[in-house]
Amino acid sequence: MLFLEYPKCSTCKKAKKWLDENGKEYEDRHIVENNPTAEDLKQWHQKSGLPLKRFFNTSGMRYRELQLKNRLPEMSEEEQYDLLASDGMLVKRPLVIGDHFVLVGFKEKEWEEFL
């Protein structure tokens, strides 16, 4: 399973601690140094069954700077994937990618259910 995180993010730290305490094996990946590609994001989005907007870090400074709240509804999915792939700080984190699931953000109950 792949764990994408921004190490300075407090939610990512909690999620990583939860994975370690629950004996889960994972490959750790820094979301800014090794940002997902548009194709990765497209596959994960389709596998997740979630709205694409859930993959955006809507509370992030970069999201606000780019005024994406107003711009996203006018963008195609391809444009949104390309935008997410351009900057790891735009991507909601942590992300956990398994063979048959994608978890976006850290919700302990959801993680217990899938992991």
N, C-alpha and C. Protein backbone atom coordinates (compact mmCIF):
# COMPACT_ATOMS: atom_id res chain seq x y z
N MET A 1 0.85 -1.16 0.00
CA MET A 1 0.00 0.00 0.00
C MET A 1 0.90 1.23 0.00
N LEU A 2 0.43 2.25 -0.69
CA LEU A 2 1.19 3.49 -0.84
C LEU A 2 0.60 4.56 0.07
N PHE A 3 1.45 5.23 0.83
CA PHE A 3 1.05 6.29 1.74
C PHE A 3 1.70 7.58 1.27
N LEU A 4 0.89 8.51 0.77
CA LEU A 4 1.40 9.80 0.32
C LEU A 4 1.16 10.83 1.40
N GLU A 5 2.21 11.54 1.75
CA GLU A 5 2.12 12.50 2.86
C GLU A 5 2.98 13.72 2.61
N TYR A 6 2.66 14.77 3.34
CA TYR A 6 3.53 15.92 3.48
C TYR A 6 4.01 15.85 4.93
N PRO A 7 5.30 15.55 5.15
CA PRO A 7 5.78 15.26 6.51
C PRO A 7 5.51 16.33 7.57
N LYS A 8 5.36 17.58 7.18
CA LYS A 8 5.11 18.64 8.17
C LYS A 8 3.63 18.76 8.53
N CYS A 9 2.77 18.04 7.83
CA CYS A 9 1.32 18.10 8.04
C CYS A 9 0.95 17.31 9.30
N SER A 10 0.25 17.96 10.22
CA SER A 10 -0.09 17.29 11.49
C SER A 10 -1.04 16.11 11.27
N THR A 11 -1.97 16.22 10.32
CA THR A 11 -2.88 15.11 10.04
C THR A 11 -2.10 13.93 9.46
N CYS A 12 -1.13 14.20 8.63
CA CYS A 12 -0.30 13.13 8.06
C CYS A 12 0.49 12.43 9.17
N LYS A 13 0.99 13.21 10.13
CA LYS A 13 1.73 12.62 11.25
C LYS A 13 0.83 11.69 12.06
N LYS A 14 -0.42 12.12 12.33
CA LYS A 14 -1.37 11.28 13.06
C LYS A 14 -1.67 10.00 12.28
N ALA A 15 -1.86 10.15 10.99
CA ALA A 15 -2.19 9.00 10.14
C ALA A 15 -1.03 8.01 10.11
N LYS A 16 0.19 8.51 10.00
CA LYS A 16 1.36 7.65 9.96
C LYS A 16 1.52 6.91 11.29
N LYS A 17 1.30 7.62 12.38
CA LYS A 17 1.36 7.01 13.71
C LYS A 17 0.32 5.89 13.81
N TRP A 18 -0.89 6.15 13.30
CA TRP A 18 -1.95 5.14 13.32
C TRP A 18 -1.53 3.90 12.53
N LEU A 19 -0.96 4.11 11.35
CA LEU A 19 -0.50 2.98 10.53
C LEU A 19 0.55 2.16 11.28
N ASP A 20 1.52 2.86 11.88
CA ASP A 20 2.59 2.18 12.61
C ASP A 20 2.05 1.43 13.83
N GLU A 21 1.18 2.08 14.59
CA GLU A 21 0.62 1.44 15.80
C GLU A 21 -0.25 0.23 15.47
N ASN A 22 -0.82 0.22 14.27
CA ASN A 22 -1.68 -0.88 13.86
C ASN A 22 -0.95 -1.90 12.98
N GLY A 23 0.37 -1.78 12.93
CA GLY A 23 1.19 -2.76 12.23
C GLY A 23 0.95 -2.85 10.74
N LYS A 24 0.59 -1.75 10.12
CA LYS A 24 0.33 -1.74 8.67
C LYS A 24 1.63 -1.46 7.92
N GLU A 25 1.87 -2.24 6.89
CA GLU A 25 3.04 -2.02 6.05
C GLU A 25 2.66 -1.08 4.92
N TYR A 26 3.55 -0.16 4.61
CA TYR A 26 3.26 0.81 3.55
C TYR A 26 4.55 1.35 2.98
N GLU A 27 4.43 1.85 1.76
CA GLU A 27 5.52 2.58 1.12
C GLU A 27 5.22 4.05 1.32
N ASP A 28 6.16 4.78 1.89
CA ASP A 28 6.00 6.19 2.22
C ASP A 28 6.47 7.04 1.04
N ARG A 29 5.68 8.06 0.68
CA ARG A 29 6.06 8.93 -0.44
C ARG A 29 5.74 10.38 -0.09
N HIS A 30 6.72 11.25 -0.25
CA HIS A 30 6.58 12.69 0.00
C HIS A 30 5.81 13.29 -1.18
N ILE A 31 4.65 13.86 -0.90
CA ILE A 31 3.73 14.30 -1.95
C ILE A 31 4.22 15.52 -2.72
N VAL A 32 5.13 16.30 -2.15
CA VAL A 32 5.65 17.46 -2.85
C VAL A 32 6.90 17.10 -3.64
N GLU A 33 7.80 16.32 -3.03
CA GLU A 33 9.03 15.92 -3.72
C GLU A 33 8.75 14.92 -4.84
N ASN A 34 7.69 14.12 -4.67
CA ASN A 34 7.35 13.10 -5.65
C ASN A 34 5.84 13.16 -5.89
N ASN A 35 5.42 14.25 -6.52
CA ASN A 35 3.99 14.50 -6.73
C ASN A 35 3.38 13.46 -7.68
N PRO A 36 2.15 13.05 -7.42
CA PRO A 36 1.51 12.11 -8.34
C PRO A 36 1.32 12.72 -9.73
N THR A 37 1.34 11.87 -10.74
CA THR A 37 1.11 12.33 -12.10
C THR A 37 -0.40 12.47 -12.33
N ALA A 38 -0.75 13.15 -13.41
CA ALA A 38 -2.17 13.29 -13.76
C ALA A 38 -2.79 11.91 -13.98
N GLU A 39 -2.04 10.99 -14.57
CA GLU A 39 -2.55 9.63 -14.81
C GLU A 39 -2.76 8.88 -13.49
N ASP A 40 -1.81 9.02 -12.56
CA ASP A 40 -1.99 8.42 -11.22
C ASP A 40 -3.29 8.93 -10.60
N LEU A 41 -3.45 10.24 -10.61
CA LEU A 41 -4.61 10.87 -9.98
C LEU A 41 -5.91 10.42 -10.63
N LYS A 42 -5.89 10.28 -11.93
CA LYS A 42 -7.09 9.83 -12.64
C LYS A 42 -7.46 8.41 -12.21
N GLN A 43 -6.47 7.53 -12.15
CA GLN A 43 -6.72 6.14 -11.73
C GLN A 43 -7.22 6.10 -10.29
N TRP A 44 -6.60 6.86 -9.40
CA TRP A 44 -6.99 6.85 -7.99
C TRP A 44 -8.39 7.42 -7.82
N HIS A 45 -8.67 8.48 -8.55
CA HIS A 45 -10.00 9.10 -8.48
C HIS A 45 -11.07 8.08 -8.90
N GLN A 46 -10.83 7.40 -10.01
CA GLN A 46 -11.80 6.41 -10.50
C GLN A 46 -11.97 5.26 -9.51
N LYS A 47 -10.86 4.82 -8.93
CA LYS A 47 -10.91 3.71 -7.97
C LYS A 47 -11.62 4.13 -6.68
N SER A 48 -11.51 5.39 -6.31
CA SER A 48 -12.05 5.86 -5.03
C SER A 48 -13.58 5.97 -5.04
N GLY A 49 -14.14 6.29 -6.19
CA GLY A 49 -15.58 6.53 -6.26
C GLY A 49 -15.99 7.87 -5.65
N LEU A 50 -15.03 8.69 -5.31
CA LEU A 50 -15.29 10.00 -4.68
C LEU A 50 -15.37 11.10 -5.74
N PRO A 51 -16.01 12.22 -5.40
CA PRO A 51 -15.97 13.37 -6.32
C PRO A 51 -14.52 13.87 -6.44
N LEU A 52 -14.15 14.33 -7.61
CA LEU A 52 -12.77 14.79 -7.83
C LEU A 52 -12.39 15.91 -6.88
N LYS A 53 -13.34 16.75 -6.50
CA LYS A 53 -13.03 17.87 -5.60
C LYS A 53 -12.43 17.38 -4.28
N ARG A 54 -12.77 16.15 -3.84
CA ARG A 54 -12.22 15.61 -2.59
C ARG A 54 -10.71 15.44 -2.65
N PHE A 55 -10.13 15.41 -3.85
CA PHE A 55 -8.69 15.25 -3.99
C PHE A 55 -7.95 16.57 -3.84
N PHE A 56 -8.68 17.67 -3.76
CA PHE A 56 -8.06 18.98 -3.59
C PHE A 56 -7.95 19.33 -2.12
N ASN A 57 -6.82 19.90 -1.74
CA ASN A 57 -6.60 20.40 -0.38
C ASN A 57 -7.27 21.77 -0.29
N THR A 58 -8.57 21.75 -0.04
CA THR A 58 -9.36 22.98 -0.07
C THR A 58 -9.02 23.95 1.06
N SER A 59 -8.32 23.49 2.08
CA SER A 59 -7.94 24.39 3.17
C SER A 59 -6.52 24.92 2.99
N GLY A 60 -5.86 24.56 1.91
CA GLY A 60 -4.48 24.98 1.69
C GLY A 60 -4.36 26.39 1.13
N MET A 61 -3.22 27.01 1.41
CA MET A 61 -2.97 28.37 0.94
C MET A 61 -2.95 28.43 -0.59
N ARG A 62 -2.34 27.43 -1.21
CA ARG A 62 -2.22 27.42 -2.67
C ARG A 62 -3.61 27.37 -3.32
N TYR A 63 -4.51 26.58 -2.76
CA TYR A 63 -5.88 26.47 -3.25
C TYR A 63 -6.56 27.85 -3.22
N ARG A 64 -6.36 28.56 -2.11
CA ARG A 64 -6.96 29.89 -1.96
C ARG A 64 -6.31 30.91 -2.90
N GLU A 65 -4.96 30.85 -2.99
CA GLU A 65 -4.24 31.78 -3.87
C GLU A 65 -4.73 31.70 -5.31
N LEU A 66 -4.99 30.48 -5.75
CA LEU A 66 -5.42 30.26 -7.14
C LEU A 66 -6.93 30.44 -7.31
N GLN A 67 -7.62 30.76 -6.22
CA GLN A 67 -9.07 30.97 -6.23
C GLN A 67 -9.80 29.79 -6.88
N LEU A 68 -9.41 28.59 -6.47
CA LEU A 68 -9.95 27.39 -7.10
C LEU A 68 -11.40 27.12 -6.74
N LYS A 69 -11.86 27.66 -5.63
CA LYS A 69 -13.26 27.47 -5.25
C LYS A 69 -14.17 27.91 -6.40
N ASN A 70 -13.81 29.02 -7.03
CA ASN A 70 -14.60 29.56 -8.13
C ASN A 70 -14.22 28.96 -9.48
N ARG A 71 -12.98 28.54 -9.63
CA ARG A 71 -12.49 28.09 -10.93
C ARG A 71 -12.78 26.61 -11.22
N LEU A 72 -12.75 25.76 -10.16
CA LEU A 72 -12.90 24.31 -10.39
C LEU A 72 -14.17 23.92 -11.16
N PRO A 73 -15.33 24.50 -10.80
CA PRO A 73 -16.55 24.09 -11.50
C PRO A 73 -16.50 24.31 -13.02
N GLU A 74 -15.65 25.24 -13.46
CA GLU A 74 -15.55 25.56 -14.88
C GLU A 74 -14.49 24.72 -15.59
N MET A 75 -13.70 23.98 -14.84
CA MET A 75 -12.60 23.20 -15.42
C MET A 75 -13.04 21.78 -15.74
N SER A 76 -12.45 21.22 -16.81
CA SER A 76 -12.71 19.82 -17.14
C SER A 76 -11.96 18.93 -16.15
N GLU A 77 -12.33 17.65 -16.09
CA GLU A 77 -11.61 16.72 -15.20
C GLU A 77 -10.14 16.66 -15.59
N GLU A 78 -9.85 16.62 -16.90
CA GLU A 78 -8.45 16.55 -17.35
C GLU A 78 -7.66 17.77 -16.86
N GLU A 79 -8.26 18.94 -16.94
CA GLU A 79 -7.59 20.16 -16.46
C GLU A 79 -7.35 20.08 -14.95
N GLN A 80 -8.31 19.51 -14.22
CA GLN A 80 -8.15 19.37 -12.77
C GLN A 80 -7.04 18.38 -12.44
N TYR A 81 -6.98 17.25 -13.16
CA TYR A 81 -5.89 16.28 -12.93
C TYR A 81 -4.54 16.95 -13.19
N ASP A 82 -4.44 17.69 -14.30
CA ASP A 82 -3.18 18.36 -14.63
C ASP A 82 -2.80 19.38 -13.56
N LEU A 83 -3.79 20.10 -13.05
CA LEU A 83 -3.52 21.09 -12.01
C LEU A 83 -3.03 20.40 -10.74
N LEU A 84 -3.70 19.33 -10.32
CA LEU A 84 -3.27 18.58 -9.13
C LEU A 84 -1.85 18.04 -9.31
N ALA A 85 -1.55 17.56 -10.50
CA ALA A 85 -0.23 16.99 -10.78
C ALA A 85 0.86 18.05 -10.82
N SER A 86 0.48 19.32 -10.95
CA SER A 86 1.47 20.39 -11.06
C SER A 86 2.02 20.83 -9.70
N ASP A 87 1.32 20.49 -8.60
CA ASP A 87 1.73 21.00 -7.29
C ASP A 87 1.19 20.09 -6.19
N GLY A 88 2.08 19.38 -5.50
CA GLY A 88 1.68 18.46 -4.44
C GLY A 88 0.93 19.13 -3.31
N MET A 89 1.13 20.44 -3.13
CA MET A 89 0.43 21.15 -2.06
C MET A 89 -1.05 21.34 -2.36
N LEU A 90 -1.46 21.10 -3.59
CA LEU A 90 -2.88 21.20 -3.94
C LEU A 90 -3.64 19.91 -3.62
N VAL A 91 -2.89 18.83 -3.42
CA VAL A 91 -3.52 17.52 -3.23
C VAL A 91 -3.86 17.28 -1.77
N LYS A 92 -5.08 16.84 -1.53
CA LYS A 92 -5.52 16.48 -0.16
C LYS A 92 -4.64 15.35 0.35
N ARG A 93 -4.27 15.43 1.59
CA ARG A 93 -3.41 14.40 2.15
C ARG A 93 -3.83 14.08 3.57
N PRO A 94 -3.44 12.96 4.07
CA PRO A 94 -2.70 11.90 3.37
C PRO A 94 -3.61 11.15 2.39
N LEU A 95 -2.95 10.46 1.49
CA LEU A 95 -3.62 9.56 0.56
C LEU A 95 -3.08 8.16 0.82
N VAL A 96 -3.97 7.18 0.87
CA VAL A 96 -3.55 5.80 0.98
C VAL A 96 -4.13 5.05 -0.21
N ILE A 97 -3.24 4.41 -0.96
CA ILE A 97 -3.64 3.70 -2.16
C ILE A 97 -3.39 2.22 -1.95
N GLY A 98 -4.47 1.44 -2.00
CA GLY A 98 -4.36 -0.01 -1.90
C GLY A 98 -4.78 -0.65 -3.21
N ASP A 99 -4.76 -1.97 -3.26
CA ASP A 99 -5.14 -2.66 -4.49
C ASP A 99 -6.58 -2.36 -4.90
N HIS A 100 -7.47 -2.26 -3.92
CA HIS A 100 -8.89 -2.12 -4.24
C HIS A 100 -9.55 -0.91 -3.57
N PHE A 101 -8.75 0.03 -3.09
CA PHE A 101 -9.32 1.20 -2.42
C PHE A 101 -8.37 2.38 -2.47
N VAL A 102 -8.94 3.57 -2.25
CA VAL A 102 -8.18 4.81 -2.12
C VAL A 102 -8.82 5.57 -0.96
N LEU A 103 -8.00 5.95 0.01
CA LEU A 103 -8.48 6.75 1.14
C LEU A 103 -7.89 8.15 1.02
N VAL A 104 -8.76 9.16 1.12
CA VAL A 104 -8.35 10.55 0.98
C VAL A 104 -8.57 11.24 2.32
N GLY A 105 -7.50 11.77 2.90
CA GLY A 105 -7.60 12.37 4.23
C GLY A 105 -7.57 11.27 5.29
N PHE A 106 -7.51 11.67 6.54
CA PHE A 106 -7.44 10.70 7.63
C PHE A 106 -8.70 10.75 8.46
N LYS A 107 -9.50 9.71 8.33
CA LYS A 107 -10.68 9.51 9.18
C LYS A 107 -10.50 8.12 9.79
N GLU A 108 -10.22 8.10 11.09
CA GLU A 108 -9.84 6.85 11.75
C GLU A 108 -10.84 5.73 11.53
N LYS A 109 -12.14 6.00 11.65
CA LYS A 109 -13.14 4.95 11.45
C LYS A 109 -13.09 4.36 10.05
N GLU A 110 -12.95 5.23 9.07
CA GLU A 110 -12.85 4.79 7.67
C GLU A 110 -11.59 3.92 7.48
N TRP A 111 -10.50 4.34 8.07
CA TRP A 111 -9.25 3.60 7.94
C TRP A 111 -9.38 2.23 8.61
N GLU A 112 -10.02 2.17 9.78
CA GLU A 112 -10.21 0.89 10.46
C GLU A 112 -11.01 -0.07 9.58
N GLU A 113 -11.99 0.47 8.89
CA GLU A 113 -12.85 -0.34 8.04
C GLU A 113 -12.08 -0.91 6.83
N PHE A 114 -11.25 -0.10 6.21
CA PHE A 114 -10.55 -0.52 4.99
C PHE A 114 -9.22 -1.21 5.26
N LEU A 115 -8.58 -0.86 6.38
CA LEU A 115 -7.24 -1.36 6.63
C LEU A 115 -7.26 -2.41 7.73
